[in-house]
Amino acid sequence: MNLYRPTNSSILSFVRLCFQRYLSTDVAIANKRPETSFTKSENENYKVSSLILNRNPRTLEWQNLQYRTTGWPLQYPPKDYIHKALLERTGRHLISRIEHTSGVTCLTVTTREYAIRKHLGTTQDRTSAYWLGVILGQRALECGITRIYFHHSGNRRYEKSERLKKFYIGLCDSGIEFEDNKKQFQLTKDDIDGVNYDEQFKDVRYQPPQIQFPPDLYHEKLHYLQLGLQNKIKKGVES
């Protein structure tokens, strides 16, 4: 019995024939498909404006993330706040207000208002100062101001004035929070350590001198010189 054994040429011709038929069927299927009409979208001619407008310029302030203006070291009154509560006294009345760091007054509560004055015995005593603090804190919360700064707490005027103490207690009772300025300062050159080439000591150039104000150039140079000598002595002892 003789069996047919295909040769290599016959196998190649068979593969070519199958591939040609496969391509012909694909072309026929593609010709039978209906033609799709692509319509223009509405956003095709839309142009993006090159002008960007910030609609929320005070977003960082409301979130208590805005960096404070540090100002000069001996500047008084300090400017490292966003909203500050103040209590002022006129001839016969007390005025409490919240001032923005730009100098604009945001809120004002005074004993001149009839709705407040009719419930008070006098308009200058400690009781009126307390209720001004309570009302000022409530109005601030209603306006969206949740944190304020009260710079009288460490002042001699605050220690002697009973009105300021009652005003501060009224602000606390209103539920408003006070700003924490220590965590919001930007880093300066003196806050960053210098390049540590020896992997043991800090760079002497950026280490502030521990001297009293006003500084003297001679003492400042002497401080850096002594600090450098101390580091050299420590290196010699360790080696």
Protein backbone atom coordinates (compact mmCIF):
# COMPACT_ATOMS: atom_id res chain seq x y z
CA MET A 1 0.00 0.00 0.00
CA ASN A 2 1.50 3.27 -1.09
CA LEU A 3 0.91 6.28 1.22
CA TYR A 4 1.07 9.86 0.00
CA ARG A 5 3.79 11.82 1.70
CA PRO A 6 3.50 15.59 1.18
CA THR A 7 6.64 17.43 0.30
CA ASN A 8 7.73 20.79 1.59
CA SER A 9 6.71 22.61 -1.56
CA SER A 10 3.17 21.23 -1.42
CA ILE A 11 2.82 22.27 2.22
CA LEU A 12 3.94 25.81 1.44
CA SER A 13 1.52 26.09 -1.46
CA PHE A 14 -1.33 24.88 0.75
CA VAL A 15 -0.51 27.46 3.44
CA ARG A 16 -0.39 30.24 0.83
CA LEU A 17 -3.77 29.21 -0.54
CA CYS A 18 -5.36 29.26 2.93
CA PHE A 19 -3.88 32.65 3.69
CA GLN A 20 -5.16 34.12 0.40
CA ARG A 21 -8.67 32.83 1.08
CA TYR A 22 -8.53 34.27 4.61
CA LEU A 23 -7.60 37.70 3.27
CA SER A 24 -10.31 37.56 0.61
CA THR A 25 -13.00 36.76 3.20
CA ASP A 26 -11.85 39.69 5.40
CA VAL A 27 -12.07 42.08 2.46
CA ALA A 28 -15.55 40.83 1.59
CA ILE A 29 -16.76 41.27 5.17
CA ALA A 30 -15.31 44.75 5.32
CA ASN A 31 -17.07 45.71 2.08
CA LYS A 32 -20.42 44.51 3.42
CA ARG A 33 -20.20 46.70 6.56
CA PRO A 34 -22.35 49.85 6.45
CA GLU A 35 -20.51 53.12 6.22
CA THR A 36 -20.60 55.08 9.48
CA SER A 37 -20.94 58.85 9.32
CA PHE A 38 -18.87 60.70 11.91
CA THR A 39 -20.60 63.81 13.22
CA LYS A 40 -18.72 66.77 14.67
CA SER A 41 -18.95 67.12 18.41
CA GLU A 42 -19.95 70.33 20.16
CA ASN A 43 -16.58 70.62 21.92
CA GLU A 44 -14.54 70.42 18.73
CA ASN A 45 -14.41 74.19 18.31
CA TYR A 46 -14.12 74.87 22.03
CA LYS A 47 -11.11 77.02 22.92
CA VAL A 48 -9.54 77.00 26.36
CA SER A 49 -9.02 80.47 27.76
CA SER A 50 -5.47 81.47 28.55
CA LEU A 51 -6.69 83.68 31.43
CA ILE A 52 -7.06 81.84 34.75
CA LEU A 53 -9.20 83.47 37.43
CA ASN A 54 -8.92 82.28 41.02
CA ARG A 55 -12.46 82.36 42.35
CA ASN A 56 -11.38 81.42 45.86
CA PRO A 57 -8.37 83.63 46.68
CA ARG A 58 -8.80 83.11 50.44
CA THR A 59 -9.18 79.35 50.45
CA LEU A 60 -5.94 78.79 52.37
CA GLU A 61 -7.02 81.33 54.97
CA TRP A 62 -10.32 79.56 55.65
CA GLN A 63 -8.46 76.23 56.02
CA ASN A 64 -5.86 77.79 58.35
CA LEU A 65 -3.07 76.85 55.94
CA GLN A 66 -1.99 80.33 54.88
CA TYR A 67 1.53 81.27 55.94
CA ARG A 68 1.63 84.22 58.31
CA THR A 69 3.61 87.37 57.67
CA THR A 70 6.40 87.15 60.21
CA GLY A 71 7.65 90.73 59.84
CA TRP A 72 10.64 92.00 61.78
CA PRO A 73 11.76 90.32 65.04
CA LEU A 74 11.00 93.41 67.17
CA GLN A 75 7.87 94.52 65.32
CA TYR A 76 4.96 95.48 67.58
CA PRO A 77 2.12 94.83 67.35
CA PRO A 78 2.90 91.51 65.63
CA LYS A 79 1.49 90.68 62.20
CA ASP A 80 1.69 86.89 62.33
CA TYR A 81 -2.07 86.31 62.22
CA ILE A 82 -5.00 86.21 59.80
CA HIS A 83 -7.91 87.45 61.95
CA LYS A 84 -7.32 89.31 65.19
CA ALA A 85 -9.87 90.16 67.91
CA LEU A 86 -9.63 93.62 69.46
CA LEU A 87 -11.43 95.41 72.28
CA GLU A 88 -11.44 99.20 72.26
CA ARG A 89 -12.98 101.79 74.53
CA THR A 90 -14.48 105.09 73.48
CA GLY A 91 -16.05 107.80 75.62
CA ARG A 92 -19.08 105.84 76.84
CA HIS A 93 -19.06 102.59 74.90
CA LEU A 94 -16.98 99.47 74.20
CA ILE A 95 -16.19 98.34 70.67
CA SER A 96 -15.04 94.83 69.79
CA ARG A 97 -14.00 93.97 66.26
CA ILE A 98 -12.17 91.39 64.17
CA GLU A 99 -9.42 92.79 61.98
CA HIS A 100 -7.86 91.09 58.98
CA THR A 101 -4.10 91.01 58.52
CA SER A 102 -4.49 93.51 55.67
CA GLY A 103 -5.98 96.04 58.11
CA VAL A 104 -9.61 95.69 57.00
CA THR A 105 -12.24 95.32 59.73
CA CYS A 106 -14.36 92.22 59.10
CA LEU A 107 -16.81 92.33 62.04
CA THR A 108 -17.79 94.91 64.61
CA VAL A 109 -19.84 94.53 67.80
CA THR A 110 -20.42 97.56 70.00
CA THR A 111 -22.57 98.52 72.94
CA ARG A 112 -24.08 101.28 70.81
CA GLU A 113 -26.36 98.68 69.24
CA TYR A 114 -29.77 98.95 70.85
CA ALA A 115 -30.33 95.17 70.78
CA ILE A 116 -27.27 94.76 73.03
CA ARG A 117 -27.51 97.93 75.07
CA LYS A 118 -31.04 97.28 76.32
CA HIS A 119 -29.87 94.11 78.11
CA LEU A 120 -26.89 95.75 79.86
CA GLY A 121 -26.85 97.86 82.98
CA THR A 122 -23.85 99.90 81.86
CA THR A 123 -21.88 99.99 78.64
CA GLN A 124 -18.33 99.96 80.04
CA ASP A 125 -18.17 97.36 82.80
CA ARG A 126 -16.77 93.84 82.75
CA THR A 127 -20.16 92.26 82.06
CA SER A 128 -20.57 94.20 78.84
CA ALA A 129 -17.03 93.19 77.77
CA TYR A 130 -17.87 89.53 78.40
CA TRP A 131 -21.04 89.62 76.32
CA LEU A 132 -19.30 91.50 73.55
CA GLY A 133 -16.81 88.62 73.36
CA VAL A 134 -19.63 86.06 73.23
CA ILE A 135 -21.54 87.91 70.51
CA LEU A 136 -18.39 88.61 68.50
CA GLY A 137 -17.46 84.93 68.54
CA GLN A 138 -20.96 83.88 67.47
CA ARG A 139 -21.04 86.34 64.59
CA ALA A 140 -17.59 85.25 63.48
CA LEU A 141 -18.68 81.61 63.35
CA GLU A 142 -21.77 82.59 61.38
CA CYS A 143 -19.57 84.41 58.87
CA GLY A 144 -17.22 81.44 58.47
CA ILE A 145 -14.35 82.71 60.62
CA THR A 146 -13.51 79.76 62.87
CA ARG A 147 -10.08 80.84 64.18
CA ILE A 148 -8.95 84.18 65.53
CA TYR A 149 -5.83 85.60 67.14
CA PHE A 150 -5.84 87.31 70.54
CA HIS A 151 -2.49 88.97 71.18
CA HIS A 152 -3.34 90.47 74.59
CA SER A 153 -2.97 87.19 76.48
CA GLY A 154 0.76 87.66 77.24
CA ASN A 155 0.71 91.42 77.62
CA ARG A 156 0.96 93.55 80.76
CA ARG A 157 -2.13 95.42 79.69
CA TYR A 158 -4.06 92.15 79.72
CA GLU A 159 -2.87 91.32 83.23
CA LYS A 160 -4.07 94.68 84.58
CA SER A 161 -7.31 95.04 82.62
CA GLU A 162 -10.30 93.09 83.89
CA ARG A 163 -12.27 93.98 80.76
CA LEU A 164 -9.76 92.21 78.50
CA LYS A 165 -9.87 89.12 80.71
CA LYS A 166 -13.67 88.99 80.58
CA PHE A 167 -13.60 89.65 76.86
CA TYR A 168 -11.20 86.73 76.38
CA ILE A 169 -13.42 84.46 78.50
CA GLY A 170 -16.41 85.47 76.38
CA LEU A 171 -14.55 84.51 73.21
CA CYS A 172 -13.70 81.13 74.72
CA ASP A 173 -17.32 80.53 75.74
CA SER A 174 -18.57 81.34 72.24
CA GLY A 175 -16.86 78.20 70.89
CA ILE A 176 -14.42 79.90 68.53
CA GLU A 177 -10.87 78.55 68.23
CA PHE A 178 -7.62 80.46 68.46
CA GLU A 179 -4.87 80.39 65.87
CA ASP A 180 -1.75 78.33 66.40
CA ASN A 181 0.95 80.41 64.75
CA LYS A 182 3.93 78.27 65.69
CA LYS A 183 3.07 75.56 63.16
CA GLN A 184 2.46 77.94 60.27
CA PHE A 185 5.80 79.70 59.96
CA GLN A 186 7.81 79.37 56.79
CA LEU A 187 11.30 77.96 57.05
CA THR A 188 14.08 80.51 56.88
CA LYS A 189 17.81 80.17 56.40
CA ASP A 190 18.41 80.02 60.13
CA ASP A 191 15.92 77.16 60.54
CA ILE A 192 17.70 74.87 58.05
CA ASP A 193 20.91 73.13 59.02
CA GLY A 194 23.95 73.68 56.85
CA VAL A 195 25.80 71.08 54.80
CA ASN A 196 27.31 68.46 57.07
CA TYR A 197 30.52 67.51 55.33
CA ASP A 198 31.97 65.60 58.30
CA GLU A 199 28.67 63.73 58.97
CA GLN A 200 29.06 64.65 62.64
CA PHE A 201 28.76 68.41 63.08
CA LYS A 202 26.52 71.07 61.60
CA ASP A 203 27.81 73.86 59.42
CA VAL A 204 28.88 76.79 61.57
CA ARG A 205 27.88 79.44 59.05
CA TYR A 206 24.13 78.99 59.47
CA GLN A 207 24.05 78.57 63.24
CA PRO A 208 22.65 81.76 64.86
CA PRO A 209 24.76 83.32 67.60
CA GLN A 210 23.42 83.19 71.16
CA ILE A 211 23.98 86.85 72.00
CA GLN A 212 21.71 89.57 73.29
CA PHE A 213 20.21 92.35 71.24
CA PRO A 214 21.62 94.67 69.85
CA PRO A 215 24.25 92.51 68.14
CA ASP A 216 27.87 93.56 67.95
CA LEU A 217 29.94 92.54 64.94
CA TYR A 218 32.98 91.81 67.07
CA HIS A 219 31.06 89.54 69.44
CA GLU A 220 29.35 87.84 66.52
CA LYS A 221 32.68 87.05 64.84
CA LEU A 222 34.08 85.93 68.18
CA HIS A 223 31.13 83.58 68.63
CA TYR A 224 31.69 81.92 65.25
CA LEU A 225 35.43 81.66 65.96
CA GLN A 226 34.87 80.05 69.36
CA LEU A 227 32.29 77.67 67.91
CA GLY A 228 34.70 76.59 65.18
CA LEU A 229 37.51 76.05 67.70
CA GLN A 230 35.23 73.94 69.89
CA ASN A 231 34.36 71.73 66.92
CA LYS A 232 38.04 71.30 66.06
CA ILE A 233 38.85 70.37 69.67
CA LYS A 234 36.04 67.79 69.69
CA LYS A 235 37.31 66.29 66.46
CA GLY A 236 40.83 66.01 67.90
CA VAL A 237 39.59 64.34 71.08
CA GLU A 238 37.45 61.83 69.21
CA SER A 239 40.24 61.01 66.76
